[in-house]
Amino acid sequence: MKKKIYLTLAVLGAFCPYYYFIPFVYENGLDIDLFVDQLFVNKVSSFFGMDVIVSMLVLIAFVLFEGKRIGMRNLWVYIMATLTVGVSFGLPLFLYIRERYLQRMS
């Protein structure tokens, strides 16, 4: 049951952010300066932006420490998932694969 929830959350975590990002790219191209300007346009959006950036760093550390601790391979996949989509995708994807790995090990 836990694995199904993680997998469902990974799918949602990939779909929901890109639902908004793809139209931005379609309208503006990959304009990083505009993206950052809009991300930090006010204190509320800056709060959310910084929260996600710090959460991303925490997740990368967790993936590296936990993945190495239990012997998982290809940890770069979850880091790239986080960097290219976000924490909303990278975290549930890692947890899903981690659960599968732990089940196979026991």
N, C-alpha and C. Protein backbone atom coordinates (compact mmCIF):
# COMPACT_ATOMS: atom_id res chain seq x y z
N MET A 1 0.83 -1.20 0.00
CA MET A 1 0.00 0.00 0.00
C MET A 1 0.87 1.27 0.00
N LYS A 2 1.92 1.23 0.81
CA LYS A 2 2.82 2.38 0.91
C LYS A 2 3.44 2.70 -0.45
N LYS A 3 3.86 1.65 -1.16
CA LYS A 3 4.49 1.85 -2.47
C LYS A 3 3.51 2.50 -3.45
N LYS A 4 2.26 2.08 -3.45
CA LYS A 4 1.26 2.66 -4.36
C LYS A 4 1.05 4.15 -4.08
N ILE A 5 1.05 4.49 -2.80
CA ILE A 5 0.88 5.90 -2.43
C ILE A 5 2.08 6.71 -2.92
N TYR A 6 3.30 6.20 -2.69
CA TYR A 6 4.49 6.91 -3.14
C TYR A 6 4.50 7.07 -4.66
N LEU A 7 4.13 6.01 -5.37
CA LEU A 7 4.11 6.08 -6.83
C LEU A 7 3.07 7.08 -7.31
N THR A 8 1.89 7.07 -6.71
CA THR A 8 0.84 8.04 -7.07
C THR A 8 1.31 9.46 -6.81
N LEU A 9 1.96 9.67 -5.66
CA LEU A 9 2.47 11.01 -5.34
C LEU A 9 3.59 11.43 -6.29
N ALA A 10 4.40 10.48 -6.74
CA ALA A 10 5.46 10.81 -7.71
C ALA A 10 4.84 11.27 -9.03
N VAL A 11 3.80 10.59 -9.47
CA VAL A 11 3.12 10.99 -10.72
C VAL A 11 2.52 12.37 -10.56
N LEU A 12 1.82 12.60 -9.45
CA LEU A 12 1.25 13.93 -9.20
C LEU A 12 2.35 14.98 -9.07
N GLY A 13 3.44 14.59 -8.42
CA GLY A 13 4.57 15.51 -8.22
C GLY A 13 5.27 15.89 -9.50
N ALA A 14 5.16 15.05 -10.52
CA ALA A 14 5.72 15.39 -11.83
C ALA A 14 4.71 16.19 -12.65
N PHE A 15 3.46 15.79 -12.59
CA PHE A 15 2.44 16.43 -13.43
C PHE A 15 2.11 17.85 -12.97
N CYS A 16 1.85 18.02 -11.69
CA CYS A 16 1.36 19.32 -11.20
C CYS A 16 2.32 20.48 -11.46
N PRO A 17 3.62 20.36 -11.13
CA PRO A 17 4.51 21.49 -11.42
C PRO A 17 4.62 21.78 -12.92
N TYR A 18 4.71 20.73 -13.74
CA TYR A 18 4.86 20.95 -15.17
C TYR A 18 3.59 21.48 -15.82
N TYR A 19 2.46 21.29 -15.17
CA TYR A 19 1.20 21.86 -15.66
C TYR A 19 1.33 23.39 -15.77
N TYR A 20 2.11 23.96 -14.87
CA TYR A 20 2.33 25.41 -14.89
C TYR A 20 3.62 25.81 -15.61
N PHE A 21 4.62 24.94 -15.56
CA PHE A 21 5.91 25.28 -16.15
C PHE A 21 5.89 25.21 -17.67
N ILE A 22 5.22 24.23 -18.24
CA ILE A 22 5.20 24.07 -19.70
C ILE A 22 4.59 25.29 -20.39
N PRO A 23 3.45 25.83 -19.92
CA PRO A 23 2.95 27.06 -20.57
C PRO A 23 3.92 28.24 -20.44
N PHE A 24 4.62 28.33 -19.29
CA PHE A 24 5.62 29.38 -19.13
C PHE A 24 6.70 29.26 -20.20
N VAL A 25 7.23 28.05 -20.40
CA VAL A 25 8.27 27.82 -21.40
C VAL A 25 7.72 28.07 -22.80
N TYR A 26 6.48 27.66 -23.05
CA TYR A 26 5.87 27.88 -24.36
C TYR A 26 5.77 29.37 -24.67
N GLU A 27 5.41 30.17 -23.68
CA GLU A 27 5.24 31.61 -23.87
C GLU A 27 6.56 32.38 -23.85
N ASN A 28 7.54 31.91 -23.04
CA ASN A 28 8.75 32.71 -22.81
C ASN A 28 10.05 32.01 -23.18
N GLY A 29 9.96 30.76 -23.58
CA GLY A 29 11.19 30.00 -23.77
C GLY A 29 11.82 29.70 -22.43
N LEU A 30 13.04 29.21 -22.44
CA LEU A 30 13.73 28.94 -21.18
C LEU A 30 14.44 30.19 -20.69
N ASP A 31 13.66 31.21 -20.40
CA ASP A 31 14.18 32.49 -19.93
C ASP A 31 14.41 32.40 -18.42
N ILE A 32 15.62 32.03 -18.04
CA ILE A 32 15.94 31.81 -16.62
C ILE A 32 15.83 33.10 -15.83
N ASP A 33 16.26 34.22 -16.41
CA ASP A 33 16.16 35.49 -15.70
C ASP A 33 14.71 35.83 -15.37
N LEU A 34 13.81 35.66 -16.34
CA LEU A 34 12.39 35.92 -16.11
C LEU A 34 11.82 34.95 -15.08
N PHE A 35 12.23 33.69 -15.18
CA PHE A 35 11.76 32.68 -14.23
C PHE A 35 12.13 33.08 -12.80
N VAL A 36 13.39 33.46 -12.59
CA VAL A 36 13.85 33.85 -11.24
C VAL A 36 13.15 35.13 -10.81
N ASP A 37 13.01 36.10 -11.72
CA ASP A 37 12.30 37.34 -11.39
C ASP A 37 10.89 37.05 -10.91
N GLN A 38 10.18 36.16 -11.62
CA GLN A 38 8.81 35.84 -11.24
C GLN A 38 8.76 35.01 -9.96
N LEU A 39 9.75 34.16 -9.75
CA LEU A 39 9.79 33.35 -8.53
C LEU A 39 9.94 34.23 -7.30
N PHE A 40 10.74 35.28 -7.40
CA PHE A 40 11.01 36.16 -6.26
C PHE A 40 10.37 37.54 -6.42
N VAL A 41 9.17 37.56 -7.02
CA VAL A 41 8.50 38.83 -7.31
C VAL A 41 7.99 39.53 -6.04
N ASN A 42 7.70 38.79 -4.99
CA ASN A 42 7.26 39.40 -3.73
C ASN A 42 7.69 38.52 -2.56
N LYS A 43 7.39 38.96 -1.35
CA LYS A 43 7.86 38.23 -0.16
C LYS A 43 7.19 36.86 -0.03
N VAL A 44 5.94 36.73 -0.43
CA VAL A 44 5.25 35.44 -0.32
C VAL A 44 5.83 34.43 -1.31
N SER A 45 6.00 34.85 -2.56
CA SER A 45 6.58 33.91 -3.53
C SER A 45 8.04 33.61 -3.18
N SER A 46 8.75 34.58 -2.62
CA SER A 46 10.13 34.35 -2.18
C SER A 46 10.17 33.33 -1.05
N PHE A 47 9.20 33.42 -0.14
CA PHE A 47 9.10 32.44 0.95
C PHE A 47 8.98 31.03 0.38
N PHE A 48 8.07 30.84 -0.56
CA PHE A 48 7.87 29.52 -1.15
C PHE A 48 9.10 29.08 -1.97
N GLY A 49 9.69 30.01 -2.70
CA GLY A 49 10.87 29.69 -3.49
C GLY A 49 12.02 29.22 -2.62
N MET A 50 12.29 29.95 -1.54
CA MET A 50 13.38 29.58 -0.64
C MET A 50 13.07 28.27 0.08
N ASP A 51 11.81 28.05 0.44
CA ASP A 51 11.42 26.81 1.09
C ASP A 51 11.71 25.62 0.18
N VAL A 52 11.39 25.75 -1.09
CA VAL A 52 11.62 24.66 -2.04
C VAL A 52 13.12 24.46 -2.27
N ILE A 53 13.87 25.53 -2.37
CA ILE A 53 15.32 25.41 -2.60
C ILE A 53 15.99 24.70 -1.43
N VAL A 54 15.65 25.10 -0.21
CA VAL A 54 16.23 24.45 0.96
C VAL A 54 15.76 22.99 1.05
N SER A 55 14.49 22.75 0.76
CA SER A 55 13.97 21.37 0.77
C SER A 55 14.69 20.51 -0.25
N MET A 56 15.03 21.09 -1.38
CA MET A 56 15.78 20.36 -2.41
C MET A 56 17.16 19.95 -1.90
N LEU A 57 17.83 20.86 -1.21
CA LEU A 57 19.15 20.53 -0.64
C LEU A 57 19.04 19.44 0.42
N VAL A 58 18.00 19.53 1.25
CA VAL A 58 17.78 18.50 2.28
C VAL A 58 17.52 17.15 1.62
N LEU A 59 16.69 17.14 0.58
CA LEU A 59 16.37 15.89 -0.11
C LEU A 59 17.61 15.28 -0.75
N ILE A 60 18.43 16.09 -1.38
CA ILE A 60 19.64 15.57 -2.01
C ILE A 60 20.54 14.93 -0.95
N ALA A 61 20.69 15.59 0.20
CA ALA A 61 21.48 15.01 1.30
C ALA A 61 20.86 13.70 1.76
N PHE A 62 19.54 13.67 1.93
CA PHE A 62 18.85 12.45 2.37
C PHE A 62 19.04 11.31 1.38
N VAL A 63 18.88 11.61 0.10
CA VAL A 63 19.07 10.58 -0.94
C VAL A 63 20.48 10.01 -0.87
N LEU A 64 21.46 10.87 -0.75
CA LEU A 64 22.85 10.40 -0.70
C LEU A 64 23.14 9.59 0.56
N PHE A 65 22.74 10.11 1.72
CA PHE A 65 23.03 9.43 2.98
C PHE A 65 22.24 8.13 3.11
N GLU A 66 20.94 8.19 2.90
CA GLU A 66 20.09 7.01 3.07
C GLU A 66 20.35 5.98 1.98
N GLY A 67 20.50 6.46 0.75
CA GLY A 67 20.76 5.54 -0.35
C GLY A 67 22.06 4.77 -0.16
N LYS A 68 23.10 5.47 0.25
CA LYS A 68 24.39 4.80 0.50
C LYS A 68 24.30 3.89 1.72
N ARG A 69 23.58 4.32 2.74
CA ARG A 69 23.45 3.53 3.97
C ARG A 69 22.85 2.16 3.69
N ILE A 70 21.84 2.11 2.83
CA ILE A 70 21.18 0.82 2.58
C ILE A 70 21.69 0.13 1.32
N GLY A 71 22.60 0.79 0.60
CA GLY A 71 23.24 0.16 -0.54
C GLY A 71 22.53 0.32 -1.87
N MET A 72 21.70 1.34 -2.01
CA MET A 72 21.04 1.59 -3.29
C MET A 72 22.05 2.12 -4.31
N ARG A 73 21.79 1.81 -5.57
CA ARG A 73 22.64 2.30 -6.65
C ARG A 73 21.88 3.36 -7.45
N ASN A 74 22.61 4.01 -8.35
CA ASN A 74 22.03 5.01 -9.26
C ASN A 74 21.31 6.14 -8.53
N LEU A 75 21.90 6.61 -7.46
CA LEU A 75 21.29 7.69 -6.68
C LEU A 75 21.18 8.98 -7.49
N TRP A 76 21.99 9.12 -8.51
CA TRP A 76 21.96 10.31 -9.36
C TRP A 76 20.58 10.47 -10.02
N VAL A 77 19.87 9.37 -10.23
CA VAL A 77 18.54 9.43 -10.87
C VAL A 77 17.58 10.28 -10.04
N TYR A 78 17.59 10.09 -8.73
CA TYR A 78 16.67 10.82 -7.85
C TYR A 78 17.09 12.27 -7.70
N ILE A 79 18.39 12.51 -7.75
CA ILE A 79 18.88 13.89 -7.71
C ILE A 79 18.48 14.62 -8.98
N MET A 80 18.64 13.96 -10.13
CA MET A 80 18.22 14.59 -11.39
C MET A 80 16.71 14.79 -11.44
N ALA A 81 15.95 13.84 -10.92
CA ALA A 81 14.48 14.00 -10.86
C ALA A 81 14.11 15.22 -10.04
N THR A 82 14.85 15.44 -8.97
CA THR A 82 14.61 16.60 -8.11
C THR A 82 15.01 17.90 -8.80
N LEU A 83 16.16 17.89 -9.47
CA LEU A 83 16.64 19.11 -10.11
C LEU A 83 15.85 19.48 -11.37
N THR A 84 15.32 18.49 -12.08
CA THR A 84 14.61 18.78 -13.32
C THR A 84 13.11 18.96 -13.14
N VAL A 85 12.55 18.38 -12.09
CA VAL A 85 11.11 18.55 -11.84
C VAL A 85 10.92 19.24 -10.51
N GLY A 86 11.40 18.64 -9.44
CA GLY A 86 11.27 19.26 -8.13
C GLY A 86 11.21 18.23 -7.02
N VAL A 87 11.16 18.74 -5.81
CA VAL A 87 11.05 17.91 -4.62
C VAL A 87 9.77 17.08 -4.69
N SER A 88 8.73 17.65 -5.25
CA SER A 88 7.43 16.96 -5.33
C SER A 88 7.50 15.68 -6.15
N PHE A 89 8.50 15.55 -7.00
CA PHE A 89 8.71 14.33 -7.79
C PHE A 89 9.86 13.50 -7.22
N GLY A 90 10.96 14.14 -6.91
CA GLY A 90 12.16 13.42 -6.46
C GLY A 90 11.95 12.67 -5.16
N LEU A 91 11.27 13.28 -4.20
CA LEU A 91 11.08 12.62 -2.91
C LEU A 91 10.19 11.38 -3.01
N PRO A 92 8.97 11.48 -3.55
CA PRO A 92 8.17 10.25 -3.61
C PRO A 92 8.77 9.18 -4.53
N LEU A 93 9.47 9.60 -5.58
CA LEU A 93 10.13 8.61 -6.44
C LEU A 93 11.20 7.85 -5.66
N PHE A 94 12.03 8.58 -4.92
CA PHE A 94 13.05 7.93 -4.10
C PHE A 94 12.42 7.01 -3.06
N LEU A 95 11.37 7.47 -2.39
CA LEU A 95 10.72 6.65 -1.37
C LEU A 95 10.09 5.40 -1.97
N TYR A 96 9.52 5.52 -3.15
CA TYR A 96 8.94 4.37 -3.84
C TYR A 96 10.01 3.32 -4.14
N ILE A 97 11.10 3.76 -4.76
CA ILE A 97 12.16 2.82 -5.13
C ILE A 97 12.84 2.27 -3.87
N ARG A 98 12.97 3.09 -2.86
CA ARG A 98 13.56 2.65 -1.59
C ARG A 98 12.72 1.54 -0.97
N GLU A 99 11.40 1.69 -0.97
CA GLU A 99 10.52 0.65 -0.44
C GLU A 99 10.67 -0.65 -1.22
N ARG A 100 10.72 -0.54 -2.55
CA ARG A 100 10.93 -1.73 -3.38
C ARG A 100 12.26 -2.40 -3.03
N TYR A 101 13.28 -1.60 -2.88
CA TYR A 101 14.62 -2.12 -2.57
C TYR A 101 14.61 -2.82 -1.21
N LEU A 102 14.02 -2.18 -0.22
CA LEU A 102 13.98 -2.77 1.12
C LEU A 102 13.18 -4.08 1.14
N GLN A 103 12.10 -4.14 0.38
CA GLN A 103 11.32 -5.38 0.30
C GLN A 103 12.13 -6.51 -0.31
N ARG A 104 12.89 -6.19 -1.36
CA ARG A 104 13.72 -7.22 -1.99
C ARG A 104 14.84 -7.68 -1.07
N MET A 105 15.34 -6.78 -0.23
CA MET A 105 16.45 -7.13 0.65
C MET A 105 16.00 -7.99 1.82
N SER A 106 14.72 -7.91 2.18
CA SER A 106 14.26 -8.70 3.34
C SER A 106 13.65 -10.03 2.95
